[in-house]
Amino acid sequence: MEEKQVFLIQSSHKPAKHNTVSFTDRTYADEVMRHGYYRNEDWDIKKRDQDFGKITIGDYILHYTTGDVKESRSQIKLIYEVTAIERVPEKEVDEALRAGRISKDFAERLKKGHHILRLKPHKKLKQGLNLHSIQQWVSDGKLSKNMNNCGKLGFNICQVSYDDYKTMVDWASKPPSSSPQA
């Protein structure tokens, strides 16, 4: 079986405010956990988010939630699979342009590229892998260095190792314990 690509995303409990639209009914974490998508309208202009462009349908997403997300504080508890890669709805782009929230060049860029990942739950870890354990596992060599992006201010997305995915899934398949063991 061919190994899929694996990516790490981070989301918070902050209200979901994008360049084209702001939602009053959801946070960034809600977009992933309740609405089944991850949106990044700036990935192709922010060097730190360039890995978004490598994602293909079928890839896995490790979802790290920050400490302000009540359901899953400072941990990875859910792994998603990418089911579609979409453009921002043209209606939202046109409305943002008319309202002066984005420039004409920005609107054209959004209309040409893909900025939304549709996600479906793939695996739920029996117990979440918390930030302290993630950092310790990176230090111990059990997880790749890119996993240290968890909890970093300004971090959105990066590619990680398929072995990171396997390590978490293998650990989660064992009976729950008070501390993670790989």
N, C-alpha and C. Protein backbone atom coordinates (compact mmCIF):
# COMPACT_ATOMS: atom_id res chain seq x y z
N MET A 1 0.83 -1.19 0.00
CA MET A 1 0.00 0.00 0.00
C MET A 1 0.88 1.25 0.00
N GLU A 2 0.55 2.18 -0.85
CA GLU A 2 1.30 3.43 -0.94
C GLU A 2 1.00 4.29 0.28
N GLU A 3 2.06 4.84 0.88
CA GLU A 3 1.88 5.70 2.03
C GLU A 3 1.28 7.04 1.59
N LYS A 4 0.31 7.49 2.34
CA LYS A 4 -0.30 8.79 2.06
C LYS A 4 0.57 9.88 2.67
N GLN A 5 0.38 11.09 2.19
CA GLN A 5 1.04 12.23 2.81
C GLN A 5 0.29 12.56 4.09
N VAL A 6 1.01 13.15 5.04
CA VAL A 6 0.41 13.52 6.31
C VAL A 6 0.78 14.97 6.60
N PHE A 7 -0.21 15.72 7.06
CA PHE A 7 -0.03 17.13 7.37
C PHE A 7 -0.54 17.42 8.77
N LEU A 8 0.07 18.39 9.40
CA LEU A 8 -0.32 18.85 10.72
C LEU A 8 -0.97 20.21 10.56
N ILE A 9 -2.17 20.38 11.12
CA ILE A 9 -2.79 21.70 11.16
C ILE A 9 -3.06 22.05 12.61
N GLN A 10 -3.17 23.33 12.86
CA GLN A 10 -3.48 23.82 14.20
C GLN A 10 -4.67 24.76 14.10
N SER A 11 -5.60 24.63 15.03
CA SER A 11 -6.72 25.58 15.07
C SER A 11 -7.04 25.93 16.51
N SER A 12 -7.73 27.05 16.64
CA SER A 12 -8.02 27.61 17.97
C SER A 12 -9.51 27.88 18.12
N HIS A 13 -9.84 28.41 19.28
CA HIS A 13 -11.23 28.77 19.59
C HIS A 13 -11.53 30.22 19.19
N LYS A 14 -10.62 30.87 18.49
CA LYS A 14 -10.86 32.24 18.03
C LYS A 14 -11.94 32.22 16.95
N PRO A 15 -12.77 33.27 16.89
CA PRO A 15 -13.80 33.33 15.84
C PRO A 15 -13.17 33.23 14.45
N ALA A 16 -13.82 32.48 13.58
CA ALA A 16 -13.30 32.24 12.23
C ALA A 16 -13.49 33.50 11.38
N LYS A 17 -12.39 34.23 11.20
CA LYS A 17 -12.40 35.46 10.41
C LYS A 17 -11.41 35.29 9.27
N HIS A 18 -11.94 35.25 8.07
CA HIS A 18 -11.11 35.09 6.88
C HIS A 18 -11.11 36.40 6.10
N ASN A 19 -10.31 36.47 5.06
CA ASN A 19 -10.26 37.68 4.24
C ASN A 19 -11.60 37.96 3.56
N THR A 20 -12.26 36.90 3.14
CA THR A 20 -13.49 37.08 2.37
C THR A 20 -14.75 37.05 3.22
N VAL A 21 -14.70 36.36 4.34
CA VAL A 21 -15.91 36.19 5.15
C VAL A 21 -15.52 35.95 6.61
N SER A 22 -16.36 36.45 7.51
CA SER A 22 -16.20 36.17 8.94
C SER A 22 -17.46 35.46 9.40
N PHE A 23 -17.26 34.45 10.21
CA PHE A 23 -18.41 33.68 10.70
C PHE A 23 -18.67 34.02 12.16
N THR A 24 -19.91 34.27 12.49
CA THR A 24 -20.29 34.54 13.88
C THR A 24 -20.68 33.26 14.59
N ASP A 25 -20.91 32.20 13.84
CA ASP A 25 -21.40 30.95 14.43
C ASP A 25 -20.33 29.88 14.60
N ARG A 26 -19.05 30.23 14.38
CA ARG A 26 -18.01 29.19 14.47
C ARG A 26 -16.63 29.77 14.72
N THR A 27 -15.80 28.91 15.29
CA THR A 27 -14.40 29.23 15.51
C THR A 27 -13.58 28.48 14.46
N TYR A 28 -12.27 28.73 14.45
CA TYR A 28 -11.41 27.99 13.53
C TYR A 28 -11.46 26.50 13.81
N ALA A 29 -11.48 26.13 15.10
CA ALA A 29 -11.58 24.71 15.45
C ALA A 29 -12.92 24.12 15.03
N ASP A 30 -14.00 24.90 15.18
CA ASP A 30 -15.33 24.45 14.75
C ASP A 30 -15.35 24.15 13.25
N GLU A 31 -14.64 24.96 12.48
CA GLU A 31 -14.63 24.74 11.03
C GLU A 31 -14.18 23.31 10.73
N VAL A 32 -13.15 22.86 11.43
CA VAL A 32 -12.62 21.51 11.21
C VAL A 32 -13.53 20.47 11.86
N MET A 33 -13.79 20.63 13.16
CA MET A 33 -14.45 19.58 13.94
C MET A 33 -15.95 19.46 13.69
N ARG A 34 -16.63 20.56 13.40
CA ARG A 34 -18.09 20.51 13.24
C ARG A 34 -18.57 20.70 11.81
N HIS A 35 -17.76 21.42 11.03
CA HIS A 35 -18.20 21.74 9.67
C HIS A 35 -17.41 21.01 8.59
N GLY A 36 -16.37 20.28 8.97
CA GLY A 36 -15.66 19.41 8.04
C GLY A 36 -14.82 20.09 6.98
N TYR A 37 -14.21 21.23 7.34
CA TYR A 37 -13.30 21.86 6.38
C TYR A 37 -12.20 22.63 7.10
N TYR A 38 -11.11 22.83 6.37
CA TYR A 38 -10.00 23.67 6.82
C TYR A 38 -9.78 24.69 5.71
N ARG A 39 -9.76 25.95 6.08
CA ARG A 39 -9.68 27.04 5.10
C ARG A 39 -8.44 27.87 5.37
N ASN A 40 -7.67 28.14 4.32
CA ASN A 40 -6.49 28.99 4.44
C ASN A 40 -6.39 29.81 3.16
N GLU A 41 -6.86 31.04 3.23
CA GLU A 41 -6.89 31.91 2.05
C GLU A 41 -5.54 32.54 1.73
N ASP A 42 -4.57 32.38 2.63
CA ASP A 42 -3.27 33.02 2.45
C ASP A 42 -2.12 32.05 2.21
N TRP A 43 -2.41 30.75 2.11
CA TRP A 43 -1.32 29.77 2.04
C TRP A 43 -0.35 30.03 0.91
N ASP A 44 -0.85 30.52 -0.21
CA ASP A 44 0.01 30.68 -1.38
C ASP A 44 0.78 32.00 -1.39
N ILE A 45 0.58 32.83 -0.35
CA ILE A 45 1.37 34.06 -0.25
C ILE A 45 2.20 34.09 1.05
N LYS A 46 1.92 33.18 1.96
CA LYS A 46 2.69 33.09 3.20
C LYS A 46 3.60 31.87 3.12
N LYS A 47 4.89 32.13 3.11
CA LYS A 47 5.86 31.04 2.96
C LYS A 47 5.66 29.93 3.99
N ARG A 48 5.31 30.30 5.22
CA ARG A 48 5.18 29.29 6.29
C ARG A 48 4.03 28.32 6.04
N ASP A 49 3.09 28.67 5.17
CA ASP A 49 1.92 27.83 4.90
C ASP A 49 1.96 27.12 3.55
N GLN A 50 3.10 27.16 2.87
CA GLN A 50 3.21 26.63 1.51
C GLN A 50 2.88 25.14 1.39
N ASP A 51 3.00 24.39 2.46
CA ASP A 51 2.72 22.95 2.38
C ASP A 51 1.25 22.67 2.04
N PHE A 52 0.38 23.64 2.28
CA PHE A 52 -1.03 23.48 1.90
C PHE A 52 -1.13 23.07 0.43
N GLY A 53 -0.29 23.64 -0.41
CA GLY A 53 -0.31 23.37 -1.84
C GLY A 53 0.12 21.96 -2.23
N LYS A 54 0.70 21.21 -1.30
CA LYS A 54 1.14 19.83 -1.57
C LYS A 54 0.03 18.81 -1.31
N ILE A 55 -1.03 19.22 -0.64
CA ILE A 55 -2.07 18.29 -0.20
C ILE A 55 -2.86 17.75 -1.40
N THR A 56 -3.15 16.46 -1.34
CA THR A 56 -3.99 15.82 -2.35
C THR A 56 -5.14 15.08 -1.66
N ILE A 57 -6.14 14.77 -2.43
CA ILE A 57 -7.28 14.02 -1.89
C ILE A 57 -6.79 12.67 -1.37
N GLY A 58 -7.25 12.31 -0.18
CA GLY A 58 -6.84 11.06 0.44
C GLY A 58 -5.74 11.23 1.49
N ASP A 59 -5.08 12.37 1.51
CA ASP A 59 -4.04 12.61 2.51
C ASP A 59 -4.66 12.72 3.90
N TYR A 60 -3.82 12.54 4.92
CA TYR A 60 -4.27 12.61 6.30
C TYR A 60 -3.88 13.94 6.94
N ILE A 61 -4.75 14.41 7.83
CA ILE A 61 -4.54 15.66 8.54
C ILE A 61 -4.55 15.36 10.05
N LEU A 62 -3.45 15.63 10.73
CA LEU A 62 -3.39 15.55 12.18
C LEU A 62 -3.85 16.91 12.69
N HIS A 63 -4.89 16.93 13.50
CA HIS A 63 -5.49 18.19 13.94
C HIS A 63 -5.10 18.50 15.38
N TYR A 64 -4.19 19.46 15.54
CA TYR A 64 -3.81 19.93 16.86
C TYR A 64 -4.71 21.11 17.22
N THR A 65 -5.34 21.05 18.41
CA THR A 65 -6.17 22.15 18.88
C THR A 65 -5.47 22.84 20.05
N THR A 66 -5.54 24.15 20.05
CA THR A 66 -4.87 24.94 21.07
C THR A 66 -5.59 24.83 22.42
N GLY A 67 -4.98 25.37 23.45
CA GLY A 67 -5.50 25.25 24.81
C GLY A 67 -6.85 25.87 25.06
N ASP A 68 -7.31 26.74 24.16
CA ASP A 68 -8.62 27.39 24.35
C ASP A 68 -9.78 26.59 23.74
N VAL A 69 -9.50 25.43 23.17
CA VAL A 69 -10.55 24.58 22.59
C VAL A 69 -10.97 23.58 23.67
N LYS A 70 -12.13 23.81 24.26
CA LYS A 70 -12.57 23.05 25.43
C LYS A 70 -12.64 21.54 25.19
N GLU A 71 -13.10 21.12 24.02
CA GLU A 71 -13.29 19.69 23.75
C GLU A 71 -11.97 18.93 23.63
N SER A 72 -10.89 19.65 23.40
CA SER A 72 -9.64 18.98 23.08
C SER A 72 -8.47 19.92 23.34
N ARG A 73 -8.26 20.31 24.58
CA ARG A 73 -7.25 21.32 24.93
C ARG A 73 -5.81 20.86 24.66
N SER A 74 -5.10 21.63 23.88
CA SER A 74 -3.65 21.44 23.64
C SER A 74 -3.30 19.99 23.31
N GLN A 75 -3.95 19.45 22.29
CA GLN A 75 -3.69 18.06 21.94
C GLN A 75 -4.14 17.72 20.52
N ILE A 76 -3.69 16.55 20.09
CA ILE A 76 -4.19 15.94 18.86
C ILE A 76 -5.10 14.81 19.30
N LYS A 77 -6.35 14.90 18.93
CA LYS A 77 -7.31 13.86 19.29
C LYS A 77 -7.96 13.28 18.03
N LEU A 78 -7.98 14.06 16.96
CA LEU A 78 -8.63 13.63 15.73
C LEU A 78 -7.70 13.69 14.54
N ILE A 79 -7.83 12.69 13.69
CA ILE A 79 -7.11 12.63 12.42
C ILE A 79 -8.17 12.61 11.33
N TYR A 80 -7.98 13.43 10.31
CA TYR A 80 -8.95 13.55 9.22
C TYR A 80 -8.34 13.06 7.92
N GLU A 81 -9.21 12.78 6.98
CA GLU A 81 -8.81 12.46 5.61
C GLU A 81 -9.36 13.56 4.70
N VAL A 82 -8.55 13.99 3.74
CA VAL A 82 -8.97 15.02 2.80
C VAL A 82 -9.87 14.37 1.74
N THR A 83 -11.09 14.88 1.60
CA THR A 83 -12.04 14.33 0.63
C THR A 83 -12.19 15.20 -0.61
N ALA A 84 -11.85 16.48 -0.51
CA ALA A 84 -11.95 17.40 -1.65
C ALA A 84 -11.07 18.61 -1.37
N ILE A 85 -10.66 19.26 -2.43
CA ILE A 85 -9.88 20.50 -2.35
C ILE A 85 -10.61 21.51 -3.23
N GLU A 86 -11.06 22.61 -2.63
CA GLU A 86 -11.99 23.52 -3.32
C GLU A 86 -11.49 24.96 -3.33
N ARG A 87 -12.09 25.71 -4.22
CA ARG A 87 -11.87 27.16 -4.25
C ARG A 87 -12.82 27.82 -3.26
N VAL A 88 -12.47 29.04 -2.84
CA VAL A 88 -13.38 29.84 -2.04
C VAL A 88 -14.59 30.14 -2.92
N PRO A 89 -15.81 30.01 -2.40
CA PRO A 89 -16.99 30.29 -3.24
C PRO A 89 -16.92 31.67 -3.89
N GLU A 90 -17.18 31.70 -5.19
CA GLU A 90 -17.08 32.94 -5.95
C GLU A 90 -17.96 34.04 -5.37
N LYS A 91 -19.11 33.65 -4.86
CA LYS A 91 -20.04 34.61 -4.25
C LYS A 91 -19.36 35.33 -3.07
N GLU A 92 -18.62 34.59 -2.23
CA GLU A 92 -17.91 35.19 -1.10
C GLU A 92 -16.80 36.12 -1.58
N VAL A 93 -16.08 35.71 -2.62
CA VAL A 93 -15.00 36.52 -3.16
C VAL A 93 -15.57 37.83 -3.72
N ASP A 94 -16.63 37.73 -4.51
CA ASP A 94 -17.24 38.92 -5.11
C ASP A 94 -17.78 39.88 -4.05
N GLU A 95 -18.41 39.34 -3.01
CA GLU A 95 -18.96 40.18 -1.94
C GLU A 95 -17.83 40.88 -1.19
N ALA A 96 -16.74 40.18 -0.90
CA ALA A 96 -15.60 40.77 -0.20
C ALA A 96 -14.96 41.87 -1.05
N LEU A 97 -14.90 41.66 -2.34
CA LEU A 97 -14.35 42.66 -3.25
C LEU A 97 -15.24 43.90 -3.27
N ARG A 98 -16.56 43.70 -3.40
CA ARG A 98 -17.51 44.83 -3.39
C ARG A 98 -17.44 45.61 -2.08
N ALA A 99 -17.26 44.89 -0.97
CA ALA A 99 -17.22 45.54 0.35
C ALA A 99 -15.86 46.18 0.65
N GLY A 100 -14.88 45.96 -0.23
CA GLY A 100 -13.56 46.55 -0.04
C GLY A 100 -12.68 45.81 0.96
N ARG A 101 -13.03 44.57 1.32
CA ARG A 101 -12.23 43.78 2.25
C ARG A 101 -11.01 43.16 1.58
N ILE A 102 -11.08 42.99 0.26
CA ILE A 102 -9.95 42.44 -0.50
C ILE A 102 -9.75 43.26 -1.77
N SER A 103 -8.56 43.17 -2.32
CA SER A 103 -8.24 43.87 -3.56
C SER A 103 -8.66 43.03 -4.76
N LYS A 104 -8.64 43.66 -5.93
CA LYS A 104 -8.97 42.94 -7.16
C LYS A 104 -7.95 41.82 -7.41
N ASP A 105 -6.68 42.12 -7.18
CA ASP A 105 -5.63 41.09 -7.36
C ASP A 105 -5.84 39.91 -6.41
N PHE A 106 -6.19 40.22 -5.16
CA PHE A 106 -6.43 39.16 -4.18
C PHE A 106 -7.62 38.32 -4.62
N ALA A 107 -8.67 38.96 -5.11
CA ALA A 107 -9.86 38.26 -5.58
C ALA A 107 -9.51 37.33 -6.75
N GLU A 108 -8.73 37.81 -7.68
CA GLU A 108 -8.34 36.98 -8.82
C GLU A 108 -7.53 35.77 -8.37
N ARG A 109 -6.63 35.97 -7.42
CA ARG A 109 -5.82 34.87 -6.90
C ARG A 109 -6.72 33.81 -6.23
N LEU A 110 -7.69 34.27 -5.45
CA LEU A 110 -8.60 33.33 -4.79
C LEU A 110 -9.43 32.54 -5.80
N LYS A 111 -9.84 33.21 -6.88
CA LYS A 111 -10.66 32.53 -7.88
C LYS A 111 -9.87 31.50 -8.68
N LYS A 112 -8.57 31.65 -8.74
CA LYS A 112 -7.74 30.72 -9.51
C LYS A 112 -7.26 29.53 -8.71
N GLY A 113 -7.08 29.71 -7.40
CA GLY A 113 -6.47 28.66 -6.59
C GLY A 113 -7.42 28.00 -5.62
N HIS A 114 -6.95 26.92 -5.04
CA HIS A 114 -7.72 26.16 -4.06
C HIS A 114 -7.28 26.56 -2.66
N HIS A 115 -8.26 26.87 -1.80
CA HIS A 115 -7.96 27.35 -0.47
C HIS A 115 -8.79 26.69 0.63
N ILE A 116 -9.57 25.67 0.28
CA ILE A 116 -10.41 24.97 1.25
C ILE A 116 -10.21 23.47 1.10
N LEU A 117 -9.96 22.81 2.23
CA LEU A 117 -9.87 21.35 2.26
C LEU A 117 -11.15 20.82 2.89
N ARG A 118 -11.82 19.91 2.22
CA ARG A 118 -12.97 19.22 2.82
C ARG A 118 -12.42 17.99 3.53
N LEU A 119 -12.89 17.79 4.75
CA LEU A 119 -12.34 16.74 5.60
C LEU A 119 -13.42 15.82 6.13
N LYS A 120 -13.05 14.57 6.33
CA LYS A 120 -13.93 13.64 7.03
C LYS A 120 -13.10 12.99 8.12
N PRO A 121 -13.74 12.71 9.27
CA PRO A 121 -13.00 12.04 10.34
C PRO A 121 -12.45 10.70 9.85
N HIS A 122 -11.20 10.45 10.18
CA HIS A 122 -10.54 9.20 9.81
C HIS A 122 -10.31 8.34 11.05
N LYS A 123 -9.74 8.93 12.09
CA LYS A 123 -9.48 8.21 13.34
C LYS A 123 -9.62 9.17 14.50
N LYS A 124 -10.22 8.66 15.56
CA LYS A 124 -10.27 9.41 16.82
C LYS A 124 -9.38 8.66 17.80
N LEU A 125 -8.40 9.36 18.34
CA LEU A 125 -7.52 8.75 19.31
C LEU A 125 -8.29 8.57 20.62
N LYS A 126 -8.18 7.40 21.22
CA LYS A 126 -8.92 7.11 22.47
C LYS A 126 -8.64 8.15 23.52
N GLN A 127 -7.41 8.55 23.60
CA GLN A 127 -7.03 9.66 24.47
C GLN A 127 -6.18 10.59 23.61
N GLY A 128 -6.35 11.87 23.81
CA GLY A 128 -5.58 12.81 23.00
C GLY A 128 -4.10 12.79 23.35
N LEU A 129 -3.28 13.07 22.36
CA LEU A 129 -1.85 13.19 22.57
C LEU A 129 -1.57 14.65 22.89
N ASN A 130 -1.23 14.93 24.16
CA ASN A 130 -1.11 16.32 24.60
C ASN A 130 0.22 16.95 24.19
N LEU A 131 0.26 18.28 24.30
CA LEU A 131 1.41 19.05 23.85
C LEU A 131 2.70 18.61 24.55
N HIS A 132 2.65 18.41 25.84
CA HIS A 132 3.86 17.99 26.56
C HIS A 132 4.39 16.67 25.99
N SER A 133 3.49 15.72 25.76
CA SER A 133 3.91 14.41 25.22
C SER A 133 4.44 14.55 23.80
N ILE A 134 3.80 15.39 23.00
CA ILE A 134 4.29 15.62 21.63
C ILE A 134 5.71 16.15 21.67
N GLN A 135 5.95 17.16 22.50
CA GLN A 135 7.28 17.74 22.60
C GLN A 135 8.30 16.72 23.11
N GLN A 136 7.90 15.90 24.07
CA GLN A 136 8.80 14.88 24.60
C GLN A 136 9.11 13.84 23.53
N TRP A 137 8.09 13.43 22.77
CA TRP A 137 8.30 12.43 21.72
C TRP A 137 9.21 12.96 20.61
N VAL A 138 9.10 14.26 20.31
CA VAL A 138 10.01 14.85 19.32
C VAL A 138 11.43 14.80 19.88
N SER A 139 11.59 15.20 21.13
CA SER A 139 12.90 15.18 21.78
C SER A 139 13.50 13.77 21.82
N ASP A 140 12.64 12.77 22.03
CA ASP A 140 13.07 11.37 22.08
C ASP A 140 13.26 10.74 20.69
N GLY A 141 12.90 11.47 19.63
CA GLY A 141 13.03 10.95 18.27
C GLY A 141 11.87 10.07 17.82
N LYS A 142 10.78 10.04 18.58
CA LYS A 142 9.62 9.23 18.22
C LYS A 142 8.72 9.94 17.21
N LEU A 143 8.81 11.26 17.17
CA LEU A 143 8.06 12.07 16.20
C LEU A 143 9.03 13.00 15.49
N SER A 144 8.68 13.40 14.28
CA SER A 144 9.54 14.29 13.50
C SER A 144 9.58 15.70 14.10
N LYS A 145 10.63 16.42 13.78
CA LYS A 145 10.82 17.78 14.32
C LYS A 145 9.67 18.72 13.93
N ASN A 146 9.03 18.50 12.79
CA ASN A 146 7.92 19.36 12.39
C ASN A 146 6.75 19.30 13.36
N MET A 147 6.68 18.23 14.14
CA MET A 147 5.60 18.12 15.12
C MET A 147 5.77 19.15 16.24
N ASN A 148 6.96 19.73 16.37
CA ASN A 148 7.19 20.79 17.36
C ASN A 148 6.44 22.08 17.01
N ASN A 149 5.81 22.12 15.85
CA ASN A 149 5.01 23.30 15.50
C ASN A 149 3.74 23.38 16.34
N CYS A 150 3.33 22.27 16.92
CA CYS A 150 2.14 22.27 17.77
C CYS A 150 2.30 23.32 18.87
N GLY A 151 1.28 24.13 19.02
CA GLY A 151 1.27 25.13 20.08
C GLY A 151 2.02 26.41 19.77
N LYS A 152 2.67 26.50 18.62
CA LYS A 152 3.42 27.71 18.28
C LYS A 152 2.48 28.79 17.74
N LEU A 153 2.62 29.98 18.27
CA LEU A 153 1.83 31.11 17.82
C LEU A 153 2.10 31.37 16.34
N GLY A 154 1.05 31.52 15.56
CA GLY A 154 1.19 31.80 14.13
C GLY A 154 1.31 30.57 13.25
N PHE A 155 1.42 29.39 13.86
CA PHE A 155 1.52 28.17 13.06
C PHE A 155 0.15 27.77 12.54
N ASN A 156 0.09 27.37 11.28
CA ASN A 156 -1.16 26.92 10.66
C ASN A 156 -1.08 25.51 10.11
N ILE A 157 -0.06 25.24 9.27
CA ILE A 157 -0.02 23.95 8.57
C ILE A 157 1.41 23.62 8.14
N CYS A 158 1.74 22.33 8.18
CA CYS A 158 3.01 21.85 7.61
C CYS A 158 2.90 20.36 7.35
N GLN A 159 3.75 19.88 6.48
CA GLN A 159 3.80 18.45 6.21
C GLN A 159 4.64 17.79 7.30
N VAL A 160 4.21 16.62 7.72
CA VAL A 160 4.95 15.83 8.71
C VAL A 160 5.19 14.44 8.13
N SER A 161 5.87 13.62 8.86
CA SER A 161 6.22 12.28 8.41
C SER A 161 5.03 11.32 8.51
N TYR A 162 4.95 10.37 7.58
CA TYR A 162 3.95 9.31 7.68
C TYR A 162 4.19 8.51 8.97
N ASP A 163 5.44 8.42 9.38
CA ASP A 163 5.75 7.72 10.63
C ASP A 163 5.10 8.41 11.84
N ASP A 164 4.92 9.73 11.78
CA ASP A 164 4.22 10.43 12.87
C ASP A 164 2.79 9.91 12.99
N TYR A 165 2.15 9.77 11.85
CA TYR A 165 0.78 9.23 11.82
C TYR A 165 0.77 7.81 12.40
N LYS A 166 1.68 6.96 11.91
CA LYS A 166 1.72 5.57 12.38
C LYS A 166 1.99 5.49 13.87
N THR A 167 2.90 6.30 14.36
CA THR A 167 3.24 6.29 15.78
C THR A 167 2.01 6.62 16.62
N MET A 168 1.26 7.64 16.21
CA MET A 168 0.06 8.03 16.97
C MET A 168 -1.02 6.96 16.90
N VAL A 169 -1.24 6.41 15.73
CA VAL A 169 -2.28 5.38 15.57
C VAL A 169 -1.91 4.13 16.36
N ASP A 170 -0.64 3.72 16.30
CA ASP A 170 -0.20 2.55 17.07
C ASP A 170 -0.36 2.79 18.56
N TRP A 171 0.04 3.97 19.03
CA TRP A 171 -0.09 4.31 20.45
C TRP A 171 -1.57 4.31 20.87
N ALA A 172 -2.42 4.89 20.02
CA ALA A 172 -3.85 5.00 20.35
C ALA A 172 -4.54 3.64 20.36
N SER A 173 -3.98 2.65 19.67
CA SER A 173 -4.62 1.33 19.62
C SER A 173 -4.35 0.52 20.89
N LYS A 174 -3.44 1.00 21.73
CA LYS A 174 -3.13 0.33 22.99
C LYS A 174 -4.12 0.81 24.06
N PRO A 175 -4.31 0.03 25.11
CA PRO A 175 -5.22 0.47 26.19
C PRO A 175 -4.80 1.83 26.74
N PRO A 176 -5.76 2.71 27.06
CA PRO A 176 -5.42 4.03 27.60
C PRO A 176 -4.60 3.91 28.88
N SER A 177 -3.68 4.85 29.02
CA SER A 177 -2.86 4.89 30.24
C SER A 177 -2.79 6.34 30.71
N SER A 178 -2.20 6.56 31.83
CA SER A 178 -2.11 7.91 32.35
C SER A 178 -1.06 8.73 31.61
N SER A 179 -0.09 8.09 30.99
CA SER A 179 0.90 8.83 30.21
C SER A 179 1.17 8.10 28.90
N PRO A 180 1.31 8.88 27.81
CA PRO A 180 1.56 8.26 26.51
C PRO A 180 2.88 7.50 26.48
N GLN A 181 2.86 6.36 25.81
CA GLN A 181 4.06 5.54 25.62
C GLN A 181 4.09 5.10 24.16
N ALA A 182 5.19 5.31 23.51
CA ALA A 182 5.28 4.88 22.11
C ALA A 182 6.00 3.57 22.02
